[in-house]
Protein backbone atom coordinates (compact mmCIF):
# COMPACT_ATOMS: atom_id res chain seq x y z
CA UNK A 1 0.00 0.00 0.00
CA UNK A 2 1.17 3.51 -0.75
CA UNK A 3 2.35 5.71 2.07
CA UNK A 4 1.04 9.04 0.82
CA UNK A 5 -1.49 10.23 -1.72
CA UNK A 6 -1.46 13.81 -2.93
CA UNK A 7 -4.62 15.54 -4.08
CA UNK A 8 -4.46 18.98 -5.68
CA UNK A 9 -7.55 21.15 -5.94
CA UNK A 10 -7.40 23.94 -8.53
CA UNK A 11 -10.22 26.42 -8.95
CA UNK A 12 -10.87 29.70 -10.75
CA UNK A 13 -12.28 32.50 -8.64
CA UNK A 14 -14.64 34.09 -11.16
CA UNK A 15 -15.07 37.18 -8.94
CA UNK A 16 -11.38 38.14 -8.98
CA UNK A 17 -10.52 36.26 -12.22
CA UNK A 18 -7.70 34.40 -10.47
CA UNK A 19 -6.71 30.74 -10.45
CA UNK A 20 -5.82 29.19 -7.08
CA UNK A 21 -4.78 25.76 -5.90
CA UNK A 22 -4.19 23.84 -2.70
CA UNK A 23 -2.61 20.44 -2.03
CA UNK A 24 -3.92 17.85 0.39
CA UNK A 25 -1.66 14.97 1.46
CA UNK A 26 -3.06 11.78 2.96
CA UNK A 27 -1.25 9.24 5.09
CA UNK A 28 -2.43 6.18 3.16
CA UNK A 29 -4.75 4.91 5.89
CA UNK A 30 -7.99 6.65 5.00
CA UNK A 31 -9.58 9.03 2.52
CA UNK A 32 -9.21 12.19 4.60
CA UNK A 33 -7.09 14.03 2.00
CA UNK A 34 -9.67 13.45 -0.74
CA UNK A 35 -12.48 14.33 1.66
CA UNK A 36 -10.77 17.63 2.55
CA UNK A 37 -10.14 18.44 -1.12
CA UNK A 38 -13.72 17.61 -2.09
CA UNK A 39 -15.12 19.64 0.81
CA UNK A 40 -13.20 22.69 -0.40
CA UNK A 41 -14.26 21.96 -4.01
CA UNK A 42 -17.88 22.02 -2.82
CA UNK A 43 -17.36 25.58 -1.60
CA UNK A 44 -15.95 26.59 -5.00
CA UNK A 45 -18.85 24.79 -6.68
CA UNK A 46 -21.34 26.67 -4.49
CA UNK A 47 -19.79 29.93 -5.71
CA UNK A 48 -20.28 28.72 -9.31
CA UNK A 49 -16.51 28.56 -9.89
CA UNK A 50 -14.90 25.84 -12.04
CA UNK A 51 -12.67 23.36 -10.17
CA UNK A 52 -10.50 20.29 -10.78
CA UNK A 53 -9.15 17.68 -8.34
CA UNK A 54 -6.03 15.75 -9.36
CA UNK A 55 -4.53 12.72 -7.64
CA UNK A 56 -0.79 12.49 -8.16
CA UNK A 57 -1.11 14.65 -11.28
CA UNK A 58 -4.07 12.77 -12.81
CA UNK A 59 -7.48 14.45 -13.02
CA UNK A 60 -10.09 12.50 -11.04
CA UNK A 61 -12.95 14.98 -10.46
CA UNK A 62 -14.13 18.29 -11.85
CA UNK A 63 -17.17 20.52 -11.90
CA UNK A 64 -18.59 23.98 -12.30
CA UNK A 65 -21.54 25.23 -10.30
CA UNK A 66 -23.16 21.81 -9.92
CA UNK A 67 -22.49 20.74 -13.52
CA UNK A 68 -20.00 17.94 -14.05
CA UNK A 69 -17.81 18.81 -17.00
CA UNK A 70 -16.62 16.28 -19.52
CA UNK A 71 -14.30 18.53 -21.47
CA UNK A 72 -10.71 17.82 -20.54
CA UNK A 73 -8.76 20.21 -18.37
CA UNK A 74 -10.34 23.49 -17.31
CA UNK A 75 -6.99 25.20 -16.77
CA UNK A 76 -4.56 23.87 -19.38
CA UNK A 77 -1.94 26.48 -18.49
CA UNK A 78 -1.81 25.50 -14.79
CA UNK A 79 0.35 22.84 -13.31
PDB file of N, CA and C in Angstrom:
ATOM      1  N   UNK A   1       0.836  -1.182   0.000  1.00  0.00           N
ATOM      2  CA  UNK A   1       0.000   0.000   0.000  1.00  0.00           C
ATOM      3  C   UNK A   1       0.882   1.247   0.000  1.00  0.00           C
ATOM      4  N   UNK A   2       0.420   2.261  -0.659  1.00  0.00           N
ATOM      5  CA  UNK A   2       1.166   3.509  -0.749  1.00  0.00           C
ATOM      6  C   UNK A   2       1.174   4.227   0.584  1.00  0.00           C
ATOM      7  N   UNK A   3       2.249   4.944   0.835  1.00  0.00           N
ATOM      8  CA  UNK A   3       2.345   5.710   2.073  1.00  0.00           C
ATOM      9  C   UNK A   3       1.549   7.008   2.006  1.00  0.00           C
ATOM     10  N   UNK A   4       1.682   7.727   0.914  1.00  0.00           N
ATOM     11  CA  UNK A   4       1.043   9.042   0.820  1.00  0.00           C
ATOM     12  C   UNK A   4       0.341   9.194  -0.523  1.00  0.00           C
ATOM     13  N   UNK A   5      -0.786   9.855  -0.501  1.00  0.00           N
ATOM     14  CA  UNK A   5      -1.485  10.231  -1.718  1.00  0.00           C
ATOM     15  C   UNK A   5      -1.658  11.730  -1.716  1.00  0.00           C
ATOM     16  N   UNK A   6      -1.356  12.358  -2.833  1.00  0.00           N
ATOM     17  CA  UNK A   6      -1.463  13.807  -2.929  1.00  0.00           C
ATOM     18  C   UNK A   6      -2.628  14.176  -3.836  1.00  0.00           C
ATOM     19  N   UNK A   7      -3.501  15.009  -3.315  1.00  0.00           N
ATOM     20  CA  UNK A   7      -4.619  15.544  -4.083  1.00  0.00           C
ATOM     21  C   UNK A   7      -4.401  17.040  -4.223  1.00  0.00           C
ATOM     22  N   UNK A   8      -4.614  17.546  -5.433  1.00  0.00           N
ATOM     23  CA  UNK A   8      -4.460  18.978  -5.675  1.00  0.00           C
ATOM     24  C   UNK A   8      -5.785  19.512  -6.211  1.00  0.00           C
ATOM     25  N   UNK A   9      -6.329  20.481  -5.507  1.00  0.00           N
ATOM     26  CA  UNK A   9      -7.547  21.155  -5.941  1.00  0.00           C
ATOM     27  C   UNK A   9      -7.148  22.466  -6.604  1.00  0.00           C
ATOM     28  N   UNK A  10      -7.624  22.682  -7.816  1.00  0.00           N
ATOM     29  CA  UNK A  10      -7.400  23.935  -8.530  1.00  0.00           C
ATOM     30  C   UNK A  10      -8.761  24.503  -8.888  1.00  0.00           C
ATOM     31  N   UNK A  11      -8.943  25.785  -8.635  1.00  0.00           N
ATOM     32  CA  UNK A  11     -10.219  26.420  -8.949  1.00  0.00           C
ATOM     33  C   UNK A  11      -9.985  27.825  -9.472  1.00  0.00           C
ATOM     34  N   UNK A  12     -10.954  28.330 -10.232  1.00  0.00           N
ATOM     35  CA  UNK A  12     -10.869  29.698 -10.749  1.00  0.00           C
ATOM     36  C   UNK A  12     -11.898  30.542 -10.018  1.00  0.00           C
ATOM     37  N   UNK A  13     -11.419  31.544  -9.322  1.00  0.00           N
ATOM     38  CA  UNK A  13     -12.284  32.503  -8.638  1.00  0.00           C
ATOM     39  C   UNK A  13     -12.804  33.466  -9.701  1.00  0.00           C
ATOM     40  N   UNK A  14     -14.050  33.274 -10.096  1.00  0.00           N
ATOM     41  CA  UNK A  14     -14.636  34.093 -11.155  1.00  0.00           C
ATOM     42  C   UNK A  14     -14.810  35.550 -10.727  1.00  0.00           C
ATOM     43  N   UNK A  15     -14.890  35.804  -9.425  1.00  0.00           N
ATOM     44  CA  UNK A  15     -15.066  37.176  -8.943  1.00  0.00           C
ATOM     45  C   UNK A  15     -13.798  38.008  -9.128  1.00  0.00           C
ATOM     46  N   UNK A  16     -12.649  37.412  -8.847  1.00  0.00           N
ATOM     47  CA  UNK A  16     -11.382  38.141  -8.985  1.00  0.00           C
ATOM     48  C   UNK A  16     -10.603  37.729 -10.232  1.00  0.00           C
ATOM     49  N   UNK A  17     -11.156  36.773 -11.011  1.00  0.00           N
ATOM     50  CA  UNK A  17     -10.521  36.264 -12.221  1.00  0.00           C
ATOM     51  C   UNK A  17      -9.118  35.725 -11.935  1.00  0.00           C
ATOM     52  N   UNK A  18      -8.993  34.989 -10.829  1.00  0.00           N
ATOM     53  CA  UNK A  18      -7.695  34.404 -10.475  1.00  0.00           C
ATOM     54  C   UNK A  18      -7.832  32.890 -10.317  1.00  0.00           C
ATOM     55  N   UNK A  19      -6.750  32.189 -10.607  1.00  0.00           N
ATOM     56  CA  UNK A  19      -6.708  30.738 -10.451  1.00  0.00           C
ATOM     57  C   UNK A  19      -5.908  30.424  -9.197  1.00  0.00           C
ATOM     58  N   UNK A  20      -6.457  29.560  -8.349  1.00  0.00           N
ATOM     59  CA  UNK A  20      -5.821  29.194  -7.084  1.00  0.00           C
ATOM     60  C   UNK A  20      -5.742  27.681  -6.977  1.00  0.00           C
ATOM     61  N   UNK A  21      -4.862  27.202  -6.127  1.00  0.00           N
ATOM     62  CA  UNK A  21      -4.783  25.761  -5.897  1.00  0.00           C
ATOM     63  C   UNK A  21      -4.307  25.486  -4.477  1.00  0.00           C
ATOM     64  N   UNK A  22      -4.616  24.273  -4.024  1.00  0.00           N
ATOM     65  CA  UNK A  22      -4.188  23.836  -2.701  1.00  0.00           C
ATOM     66  C   UNK A  22      -3.966  22.335  -2.754  1.00  0.00           C
ATOM     67  N   UNK A  23      -2.907  21.869  -2.085  1.00  0.00           N
ATOM     68  CA  UNK A  23      -2.606  20.441  -2.035  1.00  0.00           C
ATOM     69  C   UNK A  23      -3.039  19.844  -0.710  1.00  0.00           C
ATOM     70  N   UNK A  24      -3.503  18.609  -0.786  1.00  0.00           N
ATOM     71  CA  UNK A  24      -3.917  17.849   0.386  1.00  0.00           C
ATOM     72  C   UNK A  24      -3.162  16.525   0.339  1.00  0.00           C
ATOM     73  N   UNK A  25      -2.478  16.185   1.422  1.00  0.00           N
ATOM     74  CA  UNK A  25      -1.663  14.971   1.457  1.00  0.00           C
ATOM     75  C   UNK A  25      -2.224  14.023   2.503  1.00  0.00           C
ATOM     76  N   UNK A  26      -2.535  12.806   2.060  1.00  0.00           N
ATOM     77  CA  UNK A  26      -3.058  11.784   2.965  1.00  0.00           C
ATOM     78  C   UNK A  26      -1.941  10.918   3.499  1.00  0.00           C
ATOM     79  N   UNK A  27      -2.263  10.118   4.502  1.00  0.00           N
ATOM     80  CA  UNK A  27      -1.245   9.242   5.091  1.00  0.00           C
ATOM     81  C   UNK A  27      -1.393   7.798   4.634  1.00  0.00           C
ATOM     82  N   UNK A  28      -2.285   7.518   3.697  1.00  0.00           N
ATOM     83  CA  UNK A  28      -2.431   6.181   3.157  1.00  0.00           C
ATOM     84  C   UNK A  28      -3.351   5.279   3.944  1.00  0.00           C
ATOM     85  N   UNK A  29      -3.891   5.751   5.058  1.00  0.00           N
ATOM     86  CA  UNK A  29      -4.746   4.907   5.885  1.00  0.00           C
ATOM     87  C   UNK A  29      -6.232   5.160   5.679  1.00  0.00           C
ATOM     88  N   UNK A  30      -6.581   6.333   5.198  1.00  0.00           N
ATOM     89  CA  UNK A  30      -7.991   6.649   5.000  1.00  0.00           C
ATOM     90  C   UNK A  30      -8.133   7.616   3.826  1.00  0.00           C
ATOM     91  N   UNK A  31      -9.316   8.136   3.646  1.00  0.00           N
ATOM     92  CA  UNK A  31      -9.577   9.028   2.521  1.00  0.00           C
ATOM     93  C   UNK A  31      -9.693  10.482   2.958  1.00  0.00           C
ATOM     94  N   UNK A  32      -9.051  10.840   4.051  1.00  0.00           N
ATOM     95  CA  UNK A  32      -9.206  12.187   4.598  1.00  0.00           C
ATOM     96  C   UNK A  32      -8.697  13.269   3.648  1.00  0.00           C
ATOM     97  N   UNK A  33      -7.629  13.016   2.919  1.00  0.00           N
ATOM     98  CA  UNK A  33      -7.094  14.032   2.004  1.00  0.00           C
ATOM     99  C   UNK A  33      -8.085  14.307   0.880  1.00  0.00           C
ATOM    100  N   UNK A  34      -8.672  13.247   0.309  1.00  0.00           N
ATOM    101  CA  UNK A  34      -9.672  13.455  -0.737  1.00  0.00           C
ATOM    102  C   UNK A  34     -10.904  14.145  -0.161  1.00  0.00           C
ATOM    103  N   UNK A  35     -11.311  13.726   1.020  1.00  0.00           N
ATOM    104  CA  UNK A  35     -12.482  14.334   1.655  1.00  0.00           C
ATOM    105  C   UNK A  35     -12.259  15.832   1.860  1.00  0.00           C
ATOM    106  N   UNK A  36     -11.085  16.211   2.340  1.00  0.00           N
ATOM    107  CA  UNK A  36     -10.774  17.627   2.550  1.00  0.00           C
ATOM    108  C   UNK A  36     -10.765  18.400   1.229  1.00  0.00           C
ATOM    109  N   UNK A  37     -10.177  17.788   0.187  1.00  0.00           N
ATOM    110  CA  UNK A  37     -10.141  18.442  -1.124  1.00  0.00           C
ATOM    111  C   UNK A  37     -11.551  18.595  -1.688  1.00  0.00           C
ATOM    112  N   UNK A  38     -12.367  17.550  -1.539  1.00  0.00           N
ATOM    113  CA  UNK A  38     -13.721  17.606  -2.086  1.00  0.00           C
ATOM    114  C   UNK A  38     -14.604  18.576  -1.299  1.00  0.00           C
ATOM    115  N   UNK A  39     -14.375  18.678   0.003  1.00  0.00           N
ATOM    116  CA  UNK A  39     -15.120  19.645   0.814  1.00  0.00           C
ATOM    117  C   UNK A  39     -14.828  21.063   0.342  1.00  0.00           C
ATOM    118  N   UNK A  40     -13.560  21.351   0.082  1.00  0.00           N
ATOM    119  CA  UNK A  40     -13.197  22.686  -0.399  1.00  0.00           C
ATOM    120  C   UNK A  40     -13.719  22.908  -1.823  1.00  0.00           C
ATOM    121  N   UNK A  41     -13.717  21.857  -2.647  1.00  0.00           N
ATOM    122  CA  UNK A  41     -14.261  21.961  -4.007  1.00  0.00           C
ATOM    123  C   UNK A  41     -15.754  22.275  -3.958  1.00  0.00           C
ATOM    124  N   UNK A  42     -16.444  21.746  -2.965  1.00  0.00           N
ATOM    125  CA  UNK A  42     -17.878  22.016  -2.816  1.00  0.00           C
ATOM    126  C   UNK A  42     -18.139  23.498  -2.559  1.00  0.00           C
ATOM    127  N   UNK A  43     -17.232  24.143  -1.837  1.00  0.00           N
ATOM    128  CA  UNK A  43     -17.357  25.585  -1.597  1.00  0.00           C
ATOM    129  C   UNK A  43     -17.184  26.338  -2.920  1.00  0.00           C
ATOM    130  N   UNK A  44     -16.165  25.962  -3.693  1.00  0.00           N
ATOM    131  CA  UNK A  44     -15.954  26.593  -5.001  1.00  0.00           C
ATOM    132  C   UNK A  44     -17.162  26.356  -5.901  1.00  0.00           C
ATOM    133  N   UNK A  45     -17.694  25.141  -5.866  1.00  0.00           N
ATOM    134  CA  UNK A  45     -18.854  24.790  -6.678  1.00  0.00           C
ATOM    135  C   UNK A  45     -20.066  25.630  -6.278  1.00  0.00           C
ATOM    136  N   UNK A  46     -20.234  25.854  -4.984  1.00  0.00           N
ATOM    137  CA  UNK A  46     -21.337  26.674  -4.488  1.00  0.00           C
ATOM    138  C   UNK A  46     -21.242  28.121  -4.940  1.00  0.00           C
ATOM    139  N   UNK A  47     -20.015  28.568  -5.200  1.00  0.00           N
ATOM    140  CA  UNK A  47     -19.794  29.927  -5.706  1.00  0.00           C
ATOM    141  C   UNK A  47     -19.866  29.987  -7.232  1.00  0.00           C
ATOM    142  N   UNK A  48     -20.197  28.842  -7.852  1.00  0.00           N
ATOM    143  CA  UNK A  48     -20.276  28.717  -9.313  1.00  0.00           C
ATOM    144  C   UNK A  48     -18.926  28.943  -9.983  1.00  0.00           C
ATOM    145  N   UNK A  49     -17.853  28.470  -9.334  1.00  0.00           N
ATOM    146  CA  UNK A  49     -16.509  28.558  -9.887  1.00  0.00           C
ATOM    147  C   UNK A  49     -16.097  27.184 -10.412  1.00  0.00           C
ATOM    148  N   UNK A  50     -15.396  27.118 -11.542  1.00  0.00           N
ATOM    149  CA  UNK A  50     -14.900  25.836 -12.043  1.00  0.00           C
ATOM    150  C   UNK A  50     -13.762  25.310 -11.164  1.00  0.00           C
ATOM    151  N   UNK A  51     -13.702  23.976 -11.008  1.00  0.00           N
ATOM    152  CA  UNK A  51     -12.674  23.363 -10.168  1.00  0.00           C
ATOM    153  C   UNK A  51     -12.265  22.013 -10.737  1.00  0.00           C
ATOM    154  N   UNK A  52     -11.062  21.584 -10.370  1.00  0.00           N
ATOM    155  CA  UNK A  52     -10.503  20.295 -10.779  1.00  0.00           C
ATOM    156  C   UNK A  52      -9.773  19.701  -9.584  1.00  0.00           C
ATOM    157  N   UNK A  53      -9.955  18.389  -9.347  1.00  0.00           N
ATOM    158  CA  UNK A  53      -9.152  17.679  -8.345  1.00  0.00           C
ATOM    159  C   UNK A  53      -8.280  16.675  -9.089  1.00  0.00           C
ATOM    160  N   UNK A  54      -6.986  16.700  -8.780  1.00  0.00           N
ATOM    161  CA  UNK A  54      -6.034  15.754  -9.363  1.00  0.00           C
ATOM    162  C   UNK A  54      -5.440  14.894  -8.254  1.00  0.00           C
ATOM    163  N   UNK A  55      -5.221  13.615  -8.560  1.00  0.00           N
ATOM    164  CA  UNK A  55      -4.530  12.720  -7.635  1.00  0.00           C
ATOM    165  C   UNK A  55      -3.208  12.356  -8.287  1.00  0.00           C
ATOM    166  N   UNK A  56      -2.140  12.746  -7.641  1.00  0.00           N
ATOM    167  CA  UNK A  56      -0.794  12.486  -8.157  1.00  0.00           C
ATOM    168  C   UNK A  56      -0.665  12.915  -9.618  1.00  0.00           C
ATOM    169  N   UNK A  57      -1.232  14.081  -9.945  1.00  0.00           N
ATOM    170  CA  UNK A  57      -1.114  14.646 -11.279  1.00  0.00           C
ATOM    171  C   UNK A  57      -2.148  14.186 -12.284  1.00  0.00           C
ATOM    172  N   UNK A  58      -3.047  13.280 -11.910  1.00  0.00           N
ATOM    173  CA  UNK A  58      -4.070  12.774 -12.812  1.00  0.00           C
ATOM    174  C   UNK A  58      -5.445  13.295 -12.403  1.00  0.00           C
ATOM    175  N   UNK A  59      -6.170  13.887 -13.330  1.00  0.00           N
ATOM    176  CA  UNK A  59      -7.485  14.453 -13.023  1.00  0.00           C
ATOM    177  C   UNK A  59      -8.466  13.351 -12.643  1.00  0.00           C
ATOM    178  N   UNK A  60      -9.132  13.516 -11.484  1.00  0.00           N
ATOM    179  CA  UNK A  60     -10.089  12.501 -11.042  1.00  0.00           C
ATOM    180  C   UNK A  60     -11.489  13.058 -10.817  1.00  0.00           C
ATOM    181  N   UNK A  61     -11.633  14.372 -10.666  1.00  0.00           N
ATOM    182  CA  UNK A  61     -12.950  14.976 -10.459  1.00  0.00           C
ATOM    183  C   UNK A  61     -12.901  16.429 -10.911  1.00  0.00           C
ATOM    184  N   UNK A  62     -14.051  16.909 -11.397  1.00  0.00           N
ATOM    185  CA  UNK A  62     -14.125  18.292 -11.848  1.00  0.00           C
ATOM    186  C   UNK A  62     -15.581  18.723 -11.881  1.00  0.00           C
ATOM    187  N   UNK A  63     -15.802  20.010 -11.845  1.00  0.00           N
ATOM    188  CA  UNK A  63     -17.169  20.517 -11.898  1.00  0.00           C
ATOM    189  C   UNK A  63     -17.195  22.023 -12.025  1.00  0.00           C
ATOM    190  N   UNK A  64     -18.420  22.541 -12.175  1.00  0.00           N
ATOM    191  CA  UNK A  64     -18.586  23.978 -12.303  1.00  0.00           C
ATOM    192  C   UNK A  64     -20.019  24.321 -11.942  1.00  0.00           C
ATOM    193  N   UNK A  65     -20.219  24.802 -10.744  1.00  0.00           N
ATOM    194  CA  UNK A  65     -21.538  25.226 -10.304  1.00  0.00           C
ATOM    195  C   UNK A  65     -22.589  24.137 -10.330  1.00  0.00           C
ATOM    196  N   UNK A  66     -22.219  22.924  -9.941  1.00  0.00           N
ATOM    197  CA  UNK A  66     -23.156  21.809  -9.916  1.00  0.00           C
ATOM    198  C   UNK A  66     -23.143  20.973 -11.177  1.00  0.00           C
ATOM    199  N   UNK A  67     -22.576  21.493 -12.269  1.00  0.00           N
ATOM    200  CA  UNK A  67     -22.492  20.738 -13.516  1.00  0.00           C
ATOM    201  C   UNK A  67     -21.173  19.988 -13.561  1.00  0.00           C
ATOM    202  N   UNK A  68     -21.219  18.705 -13.854  1.00  0.00           N
ATOM    203  CA  UNK A  68     -20.001  17.940 -14.052  1.00  0.00           C
ATOM    204  C   UNK A  68     -19.559  18.140 -15.494  1.00  0.00           C
ATOM    205  N   UNK A  69     -18.328  18.505 -15.669  1.00  0.00           N
ATOM    206  CA  UNK A  69     -17.814  18.812 -16.997  1.00  0.00           C
ATOM    207  C   UNK A  69     -17.087  17.614 -17.579  1.00  0.00           C
ATOM    208  N   UNK A  70     -17.289  17.382 -18.835  1.00  0.00           N
ATOM    209  CA  UNK A  70     -16.624  16.276 -19.519  1.00  0.00           C
ATOM    210  C   UNK A  70     -15.783  16.815 -20.667  1.00  0.00           C
ATOM    211  N   UNK A  71     -15.089  17.918 -20.414  1.00  0.00           N
ATOM    212  CA  UNK A  71     -14.301  18.528 -21.469  1.00  0.00           C
ATOM    213  C   UNK A  71     -12.843  18.679 -21.082  1.00  0.00           C
ATOM    214  N   UNK A  72     -12.136  17.688 -20.809  1.00  0.00           N
ATOM    215  CA  UNK A  72     -10.707  17.820 -20.541  1.00  0.00           C
ATOM    216  C   UNK A  72     -10.386  18.766 -19.402  1.00  0.00           C
ATOM    217  N   UNK A  73      -9.220  19.329 -19.445  1.00  0.00           N
ATOM    218  CA  UNK A  73      -8.760  20.211 -18.366  1.00  0.00           C
ATOM    219  C   UNK A  73      -9.381  21.595 -18.479  1.00  0.00           C
ATOM    220  N   UNK A  74      -9.792  22.140 -17.347  1.00  0.00           N
ATOM    221  CA  UNK A  74     -10.341  23.491 -17.314  1.00  0.00           C
ATOM    222  C   UNK A  74      -9.252  24.547 -17.383  1.00  0.00           C
ATOM    223  N   UNK A  75      -8.072  24.232 -16.859  1.00  0.00           N
ATOM    224  CA  UNK A  75      -6.993  25.203 -16.765  1.00  0.00           C
ATOM    225  C   UNK A  75      -5.739  24.612 -17.413  1.00  0.00           C
ATOM    226  N   UNK A  76      -5.690  24.543 -18.736  1.00  0.00           N
ATOM    227  CA  UNK A  76      -4.563  23.871 -19.383  1.00  0.00           C
ATOM    228  C   UNK A  76      -3.221  24.547 -19.146  1.00  0.00           C
ATOM    229  N   UNK A  77      -3.211  25.795 -18.710  1.00  0.00           N
ATOM    230  CA  UNK A  77      -1.941  26.480 -18.486  1.00  0.00           C
ATOM    231  C   UNK A  77      -1.442  26.326 -17.058  1.00  0.00           C
ATOM    232  N   UNK A  78      -2.219  25.682 -16.189  1.00  0.00           N
ATOM    233  CA  UNK A  78      -1.806  25.503 -14.788  1.00  0.00           C
ATOM    234  C   UNK A  78      -1.104  24.169 -14.623  1.00  0.00           C
ATOM    235  N   UNK A  79      -0.239  24.113 -13.658  1.00  0.00           N
ATOM    236  CA  UNK A  79       0.353  22.842 -13.311  1.00  0.00           C
ATOM    237  C   UNK A  79       1.738  22.785 -13.726  1.00  0.00           C
TER     238      UNK A  79
END
